[in-house]
C-alpha atoms as a PDB file:
ATOM      1  CA  MET A   1      -0.969   5.416 -10.373  1.00  0.00           C
ATOM      2  CA  ILE A   2      -4.176   4.082 -11.962  1.00  0.00           C
ATOM      3  CA  GLY A   3      -2.747   0.640 -12.406  1.00  0.00           C
ATOM      4  CA  LEU A   4      -1.845   0.367  -8.723  1.00  0.00           C
ATOM      5  CA  ALA A   5      -5.393   0.991  -7.698  1.00  0.00           C
ATOM      6  CA  LEU A   6      -6.662  -1.491 -10.361  1.00  0.00           C
ATOM      7  CA  LEU A   7      -4.389  -4.236  -9.043  1.00  0.00           C
ATOM      8  CA  LEU A   8      -5.266  -3.597  -5.415  1.00  0.00           C
ATOM      9  CA  ALA A   9      -9.047  -4.082  -5.827  1.00  0.00           C
ATOM     10  CA  SER A  10      -9.495  -6.975  -8.162  1.00  0.00           C
ATOM     11  CA  SER A  11      -8.114  -8.739 -11.109  1.00  0.00           C
ATOM     12  CA  ALA A  12     -11.595  -8.838 -12.720  1.00  0.00           C
ATOM     13  CA  SER A  13     -12.151  -5.971 -15.211  1.00  0.00           C
ATOM     14  CA  ALA A  14     -15.687  -5.279 -13.847  1.00  0.00           C
ATOM     15  CA  ASP A  15     -14.366  -4.439 -10.330  1.00  0.00           C
ATOM     16  CA  LEU A  16     -11.296  -2.350 -11.451  1.00  0.00           C
ATOM     17  CA  PRO A  17     -10.927   0.873  -9.784  1.00  0.00           C
ATOM     18  CA  THR A  18      -9.437   3.929 -11.461  1.00  0.00           C
ATOM     19  CA  LEU A  19      -8.746   7.598 -10.679  1.00  0.00           C
ATOM     20  CA  ARG A  20     -11.751   9.784 -11.158  1.00  0.00           C
ATOM     21  CA  SER A  21     -12.325  13.720 -10.923  1.00  0.00           C
ATOM     22  CA  PRO A  22     -12.270  14.379  -7.059  1.00  0.00           C
ATOM     23  CA  SER A  23     -14.631  16.563  -5.358  1.00  0.00           C
ATOM     24  CA  SER A  24     -13.348  19.628  -3.599  1.00  0.00           C
ATOM     25  CA  ALA A  25     -13.190  17.806  -0.174  1.00  0.00           C
ATOM     26  CA  GLU A  26     -11.086  15.036  -2.021  1.00  0.00           C
ATOM     27  CA  VAL A  27      -8.866  17.705  -3.461  1.00  0.00           C
ATOM     28  CA  GLU A  28      -8.154  19.143  -0.023  1.00  0.00           C
ATOM     29  CA  ALA A  29      -7.500  15.616   1.210  1.00  0.00           C
ATOM     30  CA  ALA A  30      -4.857  15.084  -1.738  1.00  0.00           C
ATOM     31  CA  ARG A  31      -3.082  18.233  -0.803  1.00  0.00           C
ATOM     32  CA  VAL A  32      -1.356  16.236   1.950  1.00  0.00           C
ATOM     33  CA  THR A  33       2.366  16.088   0.888  1.00  0.00           C
ATOM     34  CA  VAL A  34       5.109  13.765   1.816  1.00  0.00           C
ATOM     35  CA  ARG A  35       7.026  16.692   3.034  1.00  0.00           C
ATOM     36  CA  GLN A  36       4.571  17.243   5.999  1.00  0.00           C
ATOM     37  CA  PHE A  37       4.995  13.698   7.519  1.00  0.00           C
ATOM     38  CA  SER A  38       8.244  12.298   5.863  1.00  0.00           C
ATOM     39  CA  ALA A  39      11.606  13.160   4.568  1.00  0.00           C
ATOM     40  CA  LEU A  40      10.977  12.509   0.833  1.00  0.00           C
ATOM     41  CA  GLY A  41      10.589  16.089  -0.101  1.00  0.00           C
ATOM     42  CA  ASN A  42       7.707  18.238  -1.481  1.00  0.00           C
ATOM     43  CA  ILE A  43       6.099  15.419  -3.515  1.00  0.00           C
ATOM     44  CA  PRO A  44       2.303  15.612  -3.676  1.00  0.00           C
ATOM     45  CA  TRP A  45       0.065  12.584  -3.186  1.00  0.00           C
ATOM     46  CA  THR A  46      -2.680  11.713  -5.581  1.00  0.00           C
ATOM     47  CA  MET A  47      -5.952  10.260  -4.240  1.00  0.00           C
ATOM     48  CA  ALA A  48      -7.139   7.033  -5.953  1.00  0.00           C
ATOM     49  CA  LEU A  49     -10.966   5.868  -5.688  1.00  0.00           C
ATOM     50  CA  LEU A  50     -13.042   3.250  -7.153  1.00  0.00           C
ATOM     51  CA  PRO A  51     -15.192   4.134 -10.166  1.00  0.00           C
ATOM     52  CA  ARG A  52     -18.732   4.781  -9.198  1.00  0.00           C
ATOM     53  CA  GLN A  53     -17.700   4.442  -5.622  1.00  0.00           C
ATOM     54  CA  SER A  54     -20.662   4.366  -3.194  1.00  0.00           C
ATOM     55  CA  ARG A  55     -18.590   3.816  -0.226  1.00  0.00           C
ATOM     56  CA  PRO A  56     -17.218   6.784   1.927  1.00  0.00           C
ATOM     57  CA  ILE A  57     -13.738   8.011   1.102  1.00  0.00           C
ATOM     58  CA  THR A  58     -10.970   7.327   3.600  1.00  0.00           C
ATOM     59  CA  ASP A  59     -10.044  10.535   5.369  1.00  0.00           C
ATOM     60  CA  TYR A  60      -6.575  11.757   5.403  1.00  0.00           C
ATOM     61  CA  LYS A  61      -5.249  14.819   7.107  1.00  0.00           C
ATOM     62  CA  THR A  62      -2.018  16.140   8.840  1.00  0.00           C
ATOM     63  CA  VAL A  63      -2.136  16.524  12.625  1.00  0.00           C
ATOM     64  CA  VAL A  64       0.091  17.134  15.434  1.00  0.00           C
ATOM     65  CA  ILE A  65       0.357  14.112  17.778  1.00  0.00           C
ATOM     66  CA  ASP A  66       2.957  13.823  20.555  1.00  0.00           C
ATOM     67  CA  GLY A  67       4.352  17.220  19.492  1.00  0.00           C
ATOM     68  CA  ALA A  68       5.171  16.132  15.971  1.00  0.00           C
ATOM     69  CA  PRO A  69       3.359  16.119  12.612  1.00  0.00           C
ATOM     70  CA  ALA A  70       1.736  13.009  11.462  1.00  0.00           C
ATOM     71  CA  LEU A  71      -0.650  11.691   8.887  1.00  0.00           C
ATOM     72  CA  GLN A  72      -3.931  10.667  10.398  1.00  0.00           C
ATOM     73  CA  VAL A  73      -5.830   8.094   8.357  1.00  0.00           C
ATOM     74  CA  THR A  74      -9.444   7.307   9.327  1.00  0.00           C
ATOM     75  CA  ALA A  75     -11.518   4.620   7.549  1.00  0.00           C
ATOM     76  CA  ASP A  76     -15.230   4.387   8.093  1.00  0.00           C
ATOM     77  CA  ARG A  77     -16.540   1.441   5.901  1.00  0.00           C
ATOM     78  CA  SER A  78     -14.409   3.324   3.254  1.00  0.00           C
ATOM     79  CA  TYR A  79     -11.906   2.953   0.541  1.00  0.00           C
ATOM     80  CA  GLY A  80      -9.408   5.465  -0.724  1.00  0.00           C
ATOM     81  CA  ALA A  81      -5.675   5.570  -1.123  1.00  0.00           C
ATOM     82  CA  LEU A  82      -2.899   8.246  -1.464  1.00  0.00           C
ATOM     83  CA  MET A  83      -0.220   7.388  -3.984  1.00  0.00           C
ATOM     84  CA  THR A  84       2.927   9.208  -5.149  1.00  0.00           C
ATOM     85  CA  GLN A  85       5.185   8.217  -8.185  1.00  0.00           C
ATOM     86  CA  LEU A  86       8.954   7.714  -7.810  1.00  0.00           C
ATOM     87  CA  SER A  87      11.435   9.134 -10.359  1.00  0.00           C
ATOM     88  CA  PRO A  88      13.856   6.674 -11.949  1.00  0.00           C
ATOM     89  CA  GLN A  89      16.732   8.632 -10.098  1.00  0.00           C
ATOM     90  CA  ALA A  90      15.151   7.987  -6.728  1.00  0.00           C
ATOM     91  CA  GLN A  91      15.501   4.125  -6.277  1.00  0.00           C
ATOM     92  CA  PRO A  92      15.239   3.053  -2.710  1.00  0.00           C
ATOM     93  CA  ARG A  93      16.724  -0.054  -1.122  1.00  0.00           C
ATOM     94  CA  SER A  94      14.993   0.415   2.182  1.00  0.00           C
ATOM     95  CA  ILE A  95      11.894   1.939   3.561  1.00  0.00           C
ATOM     96  CA  ARG A  96      11.255   3.201   7.124  1.00  0.00           C
ATOM     97  CA  TRP A  97       8.355   4.655   8.790  1.00  0.00           C
ATOM     98  CA  GLU A  98       6.505   4.787  12.218  1.00  0.00           C
ATOM     99  CA  TRP A  99       2.942   3.833  12.530  1.00  0.00           C
ATOM    100  CA  ARG A 100       0.212   3.594  15.182  1.00  0.00           C
ATOM    101  CA  LEU A 101      -3.089   1.792  15.142  1.00  0.00           C
ATOM    102  CA  GLU A 102      -5.473   3.797  17.561  1.00  0.00           C
ATOM    103  CA  ALA A 103      -8.719   1.868  16.923  1.00  0.00           C
ATOM    104  CA  ILE A 104     -10.285  -0.850  14.856  1.00  0.00           C
ATOM    105  CA  THR A 105     -13.909  -2.141  15.388  1.00  0.00           C
ATOM    106  CA  ARG A 106     -14.044  -5.200  13.260  1.00  0.00           C
ATOM    107  CA  PRO A 107     -11.778  -8.341  12.951  1.00  0.00           C
ATOM    108  CA  ILE A 108     -10.046  -8.581   9.614  1.00  0.00           C
ATOM    109  CA  ASP A 109      -8.832 -11.696   7.645  1.00  0.00           C
ATOM    110  CA  LEU A 110      -6.091 -10.809   5.057  1.00  0.00           C
ATOM    111  CA  THR A 111      -6.636 -14.256   3.258  1.00  0.00           C
ATOM    112  CA  THR A 112     -10.262 -13.701   2.293  1.00  0.00           C
ATOM    113  CA  ARG A 113     -12.059 -10.998   0.291  1.00  0.00           C
ATOM    114  CA  ALA A 114     -14.844 -10.614   2.864  1.00  0.00           C
ATOM    115  CA  GLY A 115     -12.242  -9.922   5.514  1.00  0.00           C
ATOM    116  CA  ASP A 116      -9.439  -8.234   3.464  1.00  0.00           C
ATOM    117  CA  ASP A 117      -9.219  -4.831   5.082  1.00  0.00           C
ATOM    118  CA  ASN A 118      -6.326  -2.856   6.127  1.00  0.00           C
ATOM    119  CA  PRO A 119      -6.473  -0.168   9.006  1.00  0.00           C
ATOM    120  CA  VAL A 120      -2.903   0.926   8.055  1.00  0.00           C
ATOM    121  CA  LYS A 121      -0.950  -0.104   5.025  1.00  0.00           C
ATOM    122  CA  VAL A 122       2.150   0.865   3.065  1.00  0.00           C
ATOM    123  CA  CYS A 123       2.834  -0.474  -0.420  1.00  0.00           C
ATOM    124  CA  VAL A 124       5.521  -0.133  -3.246  1.00  0.00           C
ATOM    125  CA  ALA A 125       4.897  -1.052  -6.779  1.00  0.00           C
ATOM    126  CA  PHE A 126       7.489  -2.232  -9.220  1.00  0.00           C
ATOM    127  CA  ASP A 127       8.285  -2.178 -12.940  1.00  0.00           C
ATOM    128  CA  TRP A 128       7.979  -6.097 -13.492  1.00  0.00           C
ATOM    129  CA  PRO A 129       9.270  -7.903 -16.431  1.00  0.00           C
ATOM    130  CA  ASP A 130       6.431  -9.324 -18.548  1.00  0.00           C
ATOM    131  CA  ALA A 131       8.056 -12.611 -18.924  1.00  0.00           C
ATOM    132  CA  ALA A 132       7.897 -13.175 -15.035  1.00  0.00           C
ATOM    133  CA  VAL A 133       4.275 -12.935 -14.920  1.00  0.00           C
ATOM    134  CA  PRO A 134       2.287 -16.149 -15.406  1.00  0.00           C
ATOM    135  CA  PHE A 135       0.372 -16.478 -18.601  1.00  0.00           C
ATOM    136  CA  TRP A 136      -3.173 -15.875 -17.339  1.00  0.00           C
ATOM    137  CA  GLU A 137      -2.214 -13.062 -14.919  1.00  0.00           C
ATOM    138  CA  ARG A 138      -0.311 -11.311 -17.874  1.00  0.00           C
ATOM    139  CA  GLN A 139      -3.693 -11.494 -19.963  1.00  0.00           C
ATOM    140  CA  ALA A 140      -5.580  -9.982 -17.159  1.00  0.00           C
ATOM    141  CA  LEU A 141      -2.984  -7.223 -16.938  1.00  0.00           C
ATOM    142  CA  GLY A 142      -3.358  -6.724 -20.656  1.00  0.00           C
ATOM    143  CA  ILE A 143      -7.195  -6.337 -20.294  1.00  0.00           C
ATOM    144  CA  ALA A 144      -6.773  -3.918 -17.469  1.00  0.00           C
ATOM    145  CA  LYS A 145      -4.266  -1.863 -19.468  1.00  0.00           C
ATOM    146  CA  ALA A 146      -6.739  -1.817 -22.511  1.00  0.00           C
ATOM    147  CA  VAL A 147      -9.569  -0.574 -20.252  1.00  0.00           C
ATOM    148  CA  THR A 148      -7.609   2.233 -18.701  1.00  0.00           C
ATOM    149  CA  GLY A 149      -4.905   3.026 -21.143  1.00  0.00           C
ATOM    150  CA  GLU A 150      -2.437   3.026 -18.519  1.00  0.00           C
ATOM    151  CA  PRO A 151       0.674   0.921 -17.752  1.00  0.00           C
ATOM    152  CA  LEU A 152       0.109  -1.349 -14.831  1.00  0.00           C
ATOM    153  CA  PRO A 153       2.615  -2.481 -12.306  1.00  0.00           C
ATOM    154  CA  GLY A 154       3.156  -6.154 -12.538  1.00  0.00           C
ATOM    155  CA  ALA A 155       4.132  -6.586  -8.893  1.00  0.00           C
ATOM    156  CA  THR A 156       3.147  -4.603  -5.716  1.00  0.00           C
ATOM    157  CA  LEU A 157       4.579  -5.391  -2.267  1.00  0.00           C
ATOM    158  CA  CYS A 158       2.481  -4.295   0.654  1.00  0.00           C
ATOM    159  CA  TYR A 159       3.152  -4.117   4.512  1.00  0.00           C
ATOM    160  CA  THR A 160       0.040  -4.071   6.750  1.00  0.00           C
ATOM    161  CA  TRP A 161      -1.389  -4.442  10.268  1.00  0.00           C
ATOM    162  CA  GLY A 162      -3.198  -7.767  10.268  1.00  0.00           C
ATOM    163  CA  GLN A 163      -5.288  -9.759  12.759  1.00  0.00           C
ATOM    164  CA  GLN A 164      -3.955 -13.210  13.470  1.00  0.00           C
ATOM    165  CA  GLU A 165      -1.683 -13.655  10.506  1.00  0.00           C
ATOM    166  CA  ALA A 166       2.041 -14.628  11.197  1.00  0.00           C
ATOM    167  CA  LYS A 167       4.114 -11.543  11.192  1.00  0.00           C
ATOM    168  CA  GLY A 168       6.743 -11.339   8.423  1.00  0.00           C
ATOM    169  CA  ILE A 169       5.249 -14.186   6.267  1.00  0.00           C
ATOM    170  CA  PRO A 170       4.004 -12.947   2.723  1.00  0.00           C
ATOM    171  CA  ILE A 171       0.451 -13.656   1.878  1.00  0.00           C
ATOM    172  CA  ASP A 172      -1.018 -13.566  -1.763  1.00  0.00           C
ATOM    173  CA  SER A 173      -3.833 -10.978  -1.881  1.00  0.00           C
ATOM    174  CA  PRO A 174      -7.168 -12.777  -2.203  1.00  0.00           C
ATOM    175  CA  TYR A 175      -8.036 -10.583  -5.141  1.00  0.00           C
ATOM    176  CA  THR A 176      -4.758 -10.952  -7.294  1.00  0.00           C
ATOM    177  CA  ARG A 177      -1.326 -12.552  -6.898  1.00  0.00           C
ATOM    178  CA  ARG A 178       0.098  -9.240  -8.494  1.00  0.00           C
ATOM    179  CA  VAL A 179      -0.217  -7.952  -5.033  1.00  0.00           C
ATOM    180  CA  ARG A 180       1.516  -9.820  -2.126  1.00  0.00           C
ATOM    181  CA  VAL A 181       1.140  -8.598   1.527  1.00  0.00           C
ATOM    182  CA  ILE A 182       3.521  -8.938   4.488  1.00  0.00           C
ATOM    183  CA  PRO A 183       1.790  -8.375   7.932  1.00  0.00           C
ATOM    184  CA  LEU A 184       4.246  -6.601  10.142  1.00  0.00           C
ATOM    185  CA  ARG A 185       1.867  -6.278  13.162  1.00  0.00           C
ATOM    186  CA  ASN A 186      -1.203  -8.145  14.361  1.00  0.00           C
ATOM    187  CA  ALA A 187      -3.840  -8.076  17.083  1.00  0.00           C
ATOM    188  CA  GLN A 188      -1.137  -9.141  19.517  1.00  0.00           C
ATOM    189  CA  ASP A 189       0.630  -5.735  19.159  1.00  0.00           C
ATOM    190  CA  ALA A 190      -0.472  -2.972  21.486  1.00  0.00           C
ATOM    191  CA  GLN A 191      -2.688  -0.223  19.909  1.00  0.00           C
ATOM    192  CA  GLY A 192      -2.154   3.404  20.843  1.00  0.00           C
ATOM    193  CA  ARG A 193       1.635   3.345  20.679  1.00  0.00           C
ATOM    194  CA  TRP A 194       4.229   4.022  17.949  1.00  0.00           C
ATOM    195  CA  TRP A 195       5.941   1.105  16.145  1.00  0.00           C
ATOM    196  CA  THR A 196       9.000   1.716  13.904  1.00  0.00           C
ATOM    197  CA  GLU A 197       9.402  -0.425  10.790  1.00  0.00           C
ATOM    198  CA  GLU A 198      12.528  -0.671   8.561  1.00  0.00           C
ATOM    199  CA  ARG A 199      12.431  -3.103   5.756  1.00  0.00           C
ATOM    200  CA  ASN A 200      14.803  -4.194   3.043  1.00  0.00           C
ATOM    201  CA  LEU A 201      12.896  -3.881  -0.181  1.00  0.00           C
ATOM    202  CA  GLU A 202      14.973  -6.354  -2.251  1.00  0.00           C
ATOM    203  CA  GLN A 203      14.965  -8.993   0.518  1.00  0.00           C
ATOM    204  CA  ASP A 204      11.181  -8.619   1.015  1.00  0.00           C
ATOM    205  CA  LEU A 205      10.416  -8.548  -2.634  1.00  0.00           C
ATOM    206  CA  ARG A 206      12.498 -11.724  -3.484  1.00  0.00           C
ATOM    207  CA  ARG A 207      10.902 -13.451  -0.555  1.00  0.00           C
ATOM    208  CA  ALA A 208       7.320 -12.471  -1.605  1.00  0.00           C
ATOM    209  CA  PHE A 209       7.752 -12.901  -5.261  1.00  0.00           C
ATOM    210  CA  GLY A 210      10.418 -15.648  -5.158  1.00  0.00           C
ATOM    211  CA  ASP A 211       8.520 -17.752  -7.699  1.00  0.00           C
ATOM    212  CA  GLU A 212       8.913 -14.995 -10.318  1.00  0.00           C
ATOM    213  CA  LEU A 213      12.225 -13.295  -9.329  1.00  0.00           C
ATOM    214  CA  PRO A 214      15.205 -15.674  -9.265  1.00  0.00           C
ATOM    215  CA  ALA A 215      18.250 -14.765  -7.243  1.00  0.00           C
ATOM    216  CA  SER A 216      20.181 -14.008 -10.578  1.00  0.00           C
ATOM    217  CA  ALA A 217      17.499 -11.460 -11.829  1.00  0.00           C
ATOM    218  CA  PRO A 218      18.330  -7.844 -11.229  1.00  0.00           C
ATOM    219  CA  MET A 219      16.180  -5.723  -8.759  1.00  0.00           C
ATOM    220  CA  PRO A 220      13.262  -4.274 -10.571  1.00  0.00           C
ATOM    221  CA  ARG A 221      12.673  -0.600 -10.286  1.00  0.00           C
ATOM    222  CA  ALA A 222      10.265   0.931  -7.685  1.00  0.00           C
ATOM    223  CA  THR A 223       7.728   3.155  -9.353  1.00  0.00           C
ATOM    224  CA  ILE A 224       4.941   3.877  -6.820  1.00  0.00           C
ATOM    225  CA  VAL A 225       4.586   4.381  -3.123  1.00  0.00           C
ATOM    226  CA  PHE A 226       1.199   4.061  -1.559  1.00  0.00           C
ATOM    227  CA  VAL A 227      -0.297   4.624   1.938  1.00  0.00           C
ATOM    228  CA  SER A 228      -3.839   3.864   2.834  1.00  0.00           C
ATOM    229  CA  ALA A 229      -6.465   2.400   5.084  1.00  0.00           C
ATOM    230  CA  ASP A 230      -9.754   0.576   4.048  1.00  0.00           C
ATOM    231  CA  MET A 231     -12.547  -0.937   5.999  1.00  0.00           C
ATOM    232  CA  ASP A 232     -15.028  -1.469   3.124  1.00  0.00           C
ATOM    233  CA  ASN A 233     -15.138  -5.176   3.147  1.00  0.00           C
ATOM    234  CA  THR A 234     -15.891  -5.643   6.931  1.00  0.00           C
ATOM    235  CA  ASP A 235     -17.965  -2.416   7.252  1.00  0.00           C
ATOM    236  CA  GLY A 236     -15.676  -1.496  10.211  1.00  0.00           C
ATOM    237  CA  LYS A 237     -13.967   1.520  11.423  1.00  0.00           C
ATOM    238  CA  SER A 238     -10.246   2.297  12.070  1.00  0.00           C
ATOM    239  CA  ARG A 239      -7.929   5.111  12.858  1.00  0.00           C
ATOM    240  CA  GLY A 240      -4.262   5.198  12.507  1.00  0.00           C
ATOM    241  CA  TYR A 241      -1.232   7.427  11.911  1.00  0.00           C
ATOM    242  CA  PHE A 242       1.932   7.527  10.048  1.00  0.00           C
ATOM    243  CA  ARG A 243       5.142   9.657  10.513  1.00  0.00           C
ATOM    244  CA  ASN A 244       8.741   9.696   9.738  1.00  0.00           C
ATOM    245  CA  PHE A 245       8.314   8.095   6.392  1.00  0.00           C
ATOM    246  CA  VAL A 246      11.702   7.757   4.608  1.00  0.00           C
ATOM    247  CA  LEU A 247      12.906   5.946   1.523  1.00  0.00           C
ATOM    248  CA  SER A 248      16.754   5.344   1.499  1.00  0.00           C
ATOM    249  CA  ALA A 249      19.187   4.203  -0.998  1.00  0.00           C
ATOM    250  CA  ALA A 250      21.020   2.362   1.802  1.00  0.00           C
ATOM    251  CA  ALA A 251      19.864  -1.056   2.884  1.00  0.00           C
ATOM    252  CA  PRO A 252      18.923  -1.440   6.526  1.00  0.00           C
ATOM    253  CA  SER A 253      20.918  -3.073   9.196  1.00  0.00           C
ATOM    254  CA  PRO A 254      20.223  -6.763   9.342  1.00  0.00           C
ATOM    255  CA  ALA A 255      19.351  -6.577  12.933  1.00  0.00           C
ATOM    256  CA  LYS A 256      16.388  -4.273  12.060  1.00  0.00           C
ATOM    257  CA  GLN A 257      14.928  -6.789   9.691  1.00  0.00           C
ATOM    258  CA  PRO A 258      12.699  -9.283  11.396  1.00  0.00           C
END
């Protein structure tokens, strides 16, 4: 789990985040379980924060909205993620969830570090073959592993709600190419209503990391699932919701894949 946070923040070792001992309030937030807002079972989430984090911590809590439980995610100039590890036996082919963006106060830009904020985001990390990682990025992974003593995911695929970015088109993270982002919604999509997403993980992974994952290569193992919101780069605020979060061994219908 440390490795995912490392890669999501930066590839420069001076900026690498890690897990730290949480406060009592953070422990309470991390008690949110997948069982409360998804069908994954009683698997606890772990909170990941930046070292020496001076920014506020993104707030997570379960609420009842429209008569059903949901995960409310509130970011206020903040950073913080909830992550859960997947067992080798639980290998999904598709991921489905509903999300709702209620409010966002600042425009974002997923292509720049200054604008790279995410009012709602879902990520999956994969056990990536070392040989597929370009040399200099592989060196950065090695440095990060030496710093943390933890194995690091070589590839992370994220789905997010952007601003003006084209929907469905993968974007390299401005921090590291080990994270590639697919905007599924943007400013043209109505806030305050539920949107349903269903994604074919292998199809999206091969499209986003096609330069490293040839068609003949086997599908890498999914290792971590991550939900978050952060508004620490733009100093903005956002509030969103997740519900009906499901990983499935079955691929989604092509009709549901934009």
